Amino acid sequence: MIMEATQMTDAELKATCFEALTSLVGHVGMERFIVMMNREPRDYTKWRETHFSEDGETIEELAEKIKAYRPRHASKAPVLAQ
């Protein structure tokens, strides 16, 4: 069972997010995403709403979409040797 983000320490949240990104898009995709997010200052909340929100979609609804997406696309993420 996944712990709610509000119950995680910053370190636990960071590790969980890195694991989630890596499992979906691989190590290279995760690194690219982090670089993209840090490239220029932005309001993340506004960016998320613009790119991921559909008709006032809540974070819980977005999480359900991610959970549904994952099993169908898990085998498409590249697996890189560490």
N, C-alpha and C. Protein backbone atom coordinates (compact mmCIF):
# COMPACT_ATOMS: atom_id res chain seq x y z
N MET A 1 0.84 -1.19 0.00
CA MET A 1 0.00 0.00 0.00
C MET A 1 0.88 1.25 0.00
N ILE A 2 0.52 2.22 -0.79
CA ILE A 2 1.28 3.45 -0.88
C ILE A 2 0.83 4.41 0.21
N MET A 3 1.79 4.97 0.91
CA MET A 3 1.51 5.93 1.97
C MET A 3 1.10 7.27 1.35
N GLU A 4 0.19 7.96 1.98
CA GLU A 4 -0.22 9.28 1.52
C GLU A 4 0.97 10.24 1.63
N ALA A 5 1.12 11.12 0.66
CA ALA A 5 2.23 12.06 0.65
C ALA A 5 2.25 12.93 1.91
N THR A 6 1.09 13.23 2.45
CA THR A 6 1.03 14.06 3.65
C THR A 6 1.59 13.35 4.88
N GLN A 7 1.74 12.03 4.81
CA GLN A 7 2.26 11.26 5.93
C GLN A 7 3.75 10.94 5.76
N MET A 8 4.33 11.33 4.64
CA MET A 8 5.73 11.02 4.36
C MET A 8 6.64 12.16 4.80
N THR A 9 7.86 11.78 5.16
CA THR A 9 8.89 12.80 5.36
C THR A 9 9.31 13.31 3.98
N ASP A 10 10.04 14.40 3.95
CA ASP A 10 10.52 14.91 2.66
C ASP A 10 11.39 13.88 1.95
N ALA A 11 12.23 13.19 2.71
CA ALA A 11 13.12 12.17 2.12
C ALA A 11 12.31 11.02 1.54
N GLU A 12 11.26 10.58 2.26
CA GLU A 12 10.42 9.49 1.76
C GLU A 12 9.67 9.90 0.51
N LEU A 13 9.16 11.12 0.49
CA LEU A 13 8.43 11.62 -0.68
C LEU A 13 9.36 11.71 -1.89
N LYS A 14 10.55 12.23 -1.67
CA LYS A 14 11.53 12.36 -2.76
C LYS A 14 11.87 10.98 -3.33
N ALA A 15 12.15 10.01 -2.45
CA ALA A 15 12.50 8.66 -2.91
C ALA A 15 11.33 8.02 -3.65
N THR A 16 10.13 8.19 -3.14
CA THR A 16 8.93 7.62 -3.78
C THR A 16 8.73 8.22 -5.17
N CYS A 17 8.89 9.52 -5.28
CA CYS A 17 8.70 10.18 -6.57
C CYS A 17 9.78 9.76 -7.57
N PHE A 18 11.02 9.65 -7.12
CA PHE A 18 12.09 9.17 -8.00
C PHE A 18 11.79 7.76 -8.49
N GLU A 19 11.35 6.90 -7.58
CA GLU A 19 11.00 5.52 -7.95
C GLU A 19 9.86 5.49 -8.96
N ALA A 20 8.83 6.32 -8.72
CA ALA A 20 7.67 6.35 -9.62
C ALA A 20 8.08 6.82 -11.01
N LEU A 21 8.84 7.92 -11.07
CA LEU A 21 9.30 8.42 -12.37
C LEU A 21 10.16 7.39 -13.08
N THR A 22 11.08 6.79 -12.35
CA THR A 22 11.99 5.80 -12.95
C THR A 22 11.22 4.60 -13.48
N SER A 23 10.22 4.14 -12.73
CA SER A 23 9.47 2.97 -13.18
C SER A 23 8.62 3.27 -14.41
N LEU A 24 8.21 4.52 -14.58
CA LEU A 24 7.37 4.88 -15.73
C LEU A 24 8.18 5.26 -16.96
N VAL A 25 9.28 6.00 -16.76
CA VAL A 25 10.01 6.51 -17.93
C VAL A 25 11.50 6.15 -17.93
N GLY A 26 11.94 5.35 -16.96
CA GLY A 26 13.34 4.95 -16.89
C GLY A 26 14.21 6.04 -16.31
N HIS A 27 15.48 5.69 -16.09
CA HIS A 27 16.42 6.63 -15.46
C HIS A 27 16.65 7.88 -16.32
N VAL A 28 16.82 7.69 -17.59
CA VAL A 28 17.08 8.83 -18.48
C VAL A 28 15.87 9.76 -18.53
N GLY A 29 14.67 9.19 -18.63
CA GLY A 29 13.46 10.00 -18.65
C GLY A 29 13.29 10.77 -17.36
N MET A 30 13.60 10.14 -16.23
CA MET A 30 13.50 10.82 -14.94
C MET A 30 14.47 11.99 -14.88
N GLU A 31 15.69 11.77 -15.31
CA GLU A 31 16.69 12.85 -15.31
C GLU A 31 16.26 13.99 -16.23
N ARG A 32 15.75 13.64 -17.41
CA ARG A 32 15.29 14.69 -18.34
C ARG A 32 14.17 15.51 -17.73
N PHE A 33 13.23 14.83 -17.04
CA PHE A 33 12.12 15.53 -16.42
C PHE A 33 12.63 16.49 -15.35
N ILE A 34 13.55 16.04 -14.52
CA ILE A 34 14.08 16.91 -13.47
C ILE A 34 14.79 18.11 -14.07
N VAL A 35 15.60 17.90 -15.09
CA VAL A 35 16.28 19.01 -15.75
C VAL A 35 15.26 19.97 -16.35
N MET A 36 14.23 19.42 -17.00
CA MET A 36 13.20 20.27 -17.60
C MET A 36 12.50 21.12 -16.54
N MET A 37 12.18 20.52 -15.40
CA MET A 37 11.48 21.25 -14.35
C MET A 37 12.36 22.31 -13.70
N ASN A 38 13.67 22.09 -13.70
CA ASN A 38 14.59 23.05 -13.08
C ASN A 38 15.17 24.07 -14.05
N ARG A 39 14.91 23.89 -15.33
CA ARG A 39 15.52 24.74 -16.35
C ARG A 39 15.17 26.21 -16.17
N GLU A 40 13.92 26.49 -15.87
CA GLU A 40 13.50 27.87 -15.69
C GLU A 40 12.48 27.95 -14.57
N PRO A 41 12.44 29.07 -13.88
CA PRO A 41 11.47 29.20 -12.78
C PRO A 41 10.04 29.17 -13.32
N ARG A 42 9.16 28.53 -12.56
CA ARG A 42 7.76 28.48 -12.96
C ARG A 42 6.90 28.20 -11.74
N ASP A 43 5.65 28.47 -11.88
CA ASP A 43 4.67 28.15 -10.84
C ASP A 43 4.21 26.73 -11.13
N TYR A 44 4.70 25.75 -10.35
CA TYR A 44 4.41 24.35 -10.62
C TYR A 44 2.91 24.07 -10.60
N THR A 45 2.20 24.68 -9.65
CA THR A 45 0.76 24.43 -9.55
C THR A 45 0.05 24.86 -10.84
N LYS A 46 0.39 26.01 -11.36
CA LYS A 46 -0.20 26.49 -12.61
C LYS A 46 0.21 25.59 -13.78
N TRP A 47 1.48 25.19 -13.80
CA TRP A 47 1.98 24.31 -14.86
C TRP A 47 1.23 22.98 -14.84
N ARG A 48 1.04 22.39 -13.64
CA ARG A 48 0.35 21.12 -13.52
C ARG A 48 -1.09 21.25 -14.00
N GLU A 49 -1.75 22.32 -13.60
CA GLU A 49 -3.14 22.53 -14.02
C GLU A 49 -3.24 22.68 -15.53
N THR A 50 -2.29 23.36 -16.13
CA THR A 50 -2.29 23.56 -17.57
C THR A 50 -2.02 22.27 -18.32
N HIS A 51 -1.08 21.46 -17.83
CA HIS A 51 -0.66 20.26 -18.55
C HIS A 51 -1.38 18.98 -18.17
N PHE A 52 -1.93 18.92 -16.96
CA PHE A 52 -2.50 17.66 -16.52
C PHE A 52 -3.95 17.72 -16.08
N SER A 53 -4.46 18.88 -15.84
CA SER A 53 -5.83 18.97 -15.33
C SER A 53 -6.83 19.02 -16.47
N GLU A 54 -7.85 18.19 -16.36
CA GLU A 54 -8.92 18.19 -17.34
C GLU A 54 -10.21 18.54 -16.63
N ASP A 55 -10.80 19.66 -16.98
CA ASP A 55 -12.09 20.07 -16.42
C ASP A 55 -12.09 20.07 -14.89
N GLY A 56 -11.09 20.70 -14.28
CA GLY A 56 -11.05 20.80 -12.83
C GLY A 56 -10.73 19.50 -12.13
N GLU A 57 -10.04 18.62 -12.80
CA GLU A 57 -9.67 17.31 -12.26
C GLU A 57 -8.91 17.47 -10.93
N THR A 58 -9.27 16.67 -9.95
CA THR A 58 -8.58 16.71 -8.66
C THR A 58 -7.31 15.88 -8.72
N ILE A 59 -6.46 16.07 -7.74
CA ILE A 59 -5.22 15.30 -7.66
C ILE A 59 -5.54 13.82 -7.50
N GLU A 60 -6.61 13.50 -6.78
CA GLU A 60 -7.02 12.10 -6.59
C GLU A 60 -7.44 11.48 -7.92
N GLU A 61 -8.16 12.24 -8.74
CA GLU A 61 -8.57 11.73 -10.06
C GLU A 61 -7.35 11.52 -10.95
N LEU A 62 -6.40 12.44 -10.88
CA LEU A 62 -5.16 12.28 -11.65
C LEU A 62 -4.41 11.04 -11.18
N ALA A 63 -4.35 10.82 -9.87
CA ALA A 63 -3.68 9.63 -9.34
C ALA A 63 -4.33 8.36 -9.84
N GLU A 64 -5.65 8.33 -9.92
CA GLU A 64 -6.35 7.15 -10.44
C GLU A 64 -6.00 6.91 -11.91
N LYS A 65 -5.89 7.98 -12.69
CA LYS A 65 -5.50 7.84 -14.09
C LYS A 65 -4.09 7.25 -14.20
N ILE A 66 -3.19 7.72 -13.33
CA ILE A 66 -1.82 7.22 -13.35
C ILE A 66 -1.80 5.74 -13.00
N LYS A 67 -2.57 5.35 -11.98
CA LYS A 67 -2.64 3.94 -11.58
C LYS A 67 -3.19 3.08 -12.71
N ALA A 68 -4.18 3.58 -13.45
CA ALA A 68 -4.75 2.83 -14.56
C ALA A 68 -3.77 2.77 -15.73
N TYR A 69 -3.00 3.82 -15.94
CA TYR A 69 -2.04 3.90 -17.05
C TYR A 69 -0.87 2.95 -16.84
N ARG A 70 -0.39 2.89 -15.62
CA ARG A 70 0.82 2.14 -15.30
C ARG A 70 0.84 0.70 -15.77
N PRO A 71 -0.16 -0.12 -15.41
CA PRO A 71 -0.10 -1.53 -15.83
C PRO A 71 -0.07 -1.71 -17.34
N ARG A 72 -0.75 -0.85 -18.06
CA ARG A 72 -0.81 -0.98 -19.52
C ARG A 72 0.50 -0.59 -20.18
N HIS A 73 1.31 0.25 -19.53
CA HIS A 73 2.50 0.78 -20.17
C HIS A 73 3.80 0.40 -19.46
N ALA A 74 3.72 -0.40 -18.43
CA ALA A 74 4.90 -0.72 -17.64
C ALA A 74 6.01 -1.36 -18.47
N SER A 75 5.65 -2.22 -19.39
CA SER A 75 6.68 -2.91 -20.18
C SER A 75 7.33 -2.00 -21.21
N LYS A 76 6.79 -0.82 -21.44
CA LYS A 76 7.35 0.09 -22.44
C LYS A 76 8.46 0.97 -21.88
N ALA A 77 8.54 1.10 -20.55
CA ALA A 77 9.59 1.92 -19.95
C ALA A 77 10.93 1.21 -20.10
N PRO A 78 11.95 1.94 -20.52
CA PRO A 78 13.25 1.30 -20.67
C PRO A 78 13.81 0.92 -19.32
N VAL A 79 14.48 -0.22 -19.27
CA VAL A 79 15.13 -0.67 -18.05
C VAL A 79 16.62 -0.56 -18.28
N LEU A 80 17.26 0.25 -17.48
CA LEU A 80 18.69 0.48 -17.64
C LEU A 80 19.44 -0.19 -16.51
N ALA A 81 20.58 -0.76 -16.82
CA ALA A 81 21.42 -1.38 -15.80
C ALA A 81 22.01 -0.29 -14.92
N GLN A 82 22.12 -0.58 -13.65
CA GLN A 82 22.70 0.41 -12.73
C GLN A 82 24.12 0.08 -12.42
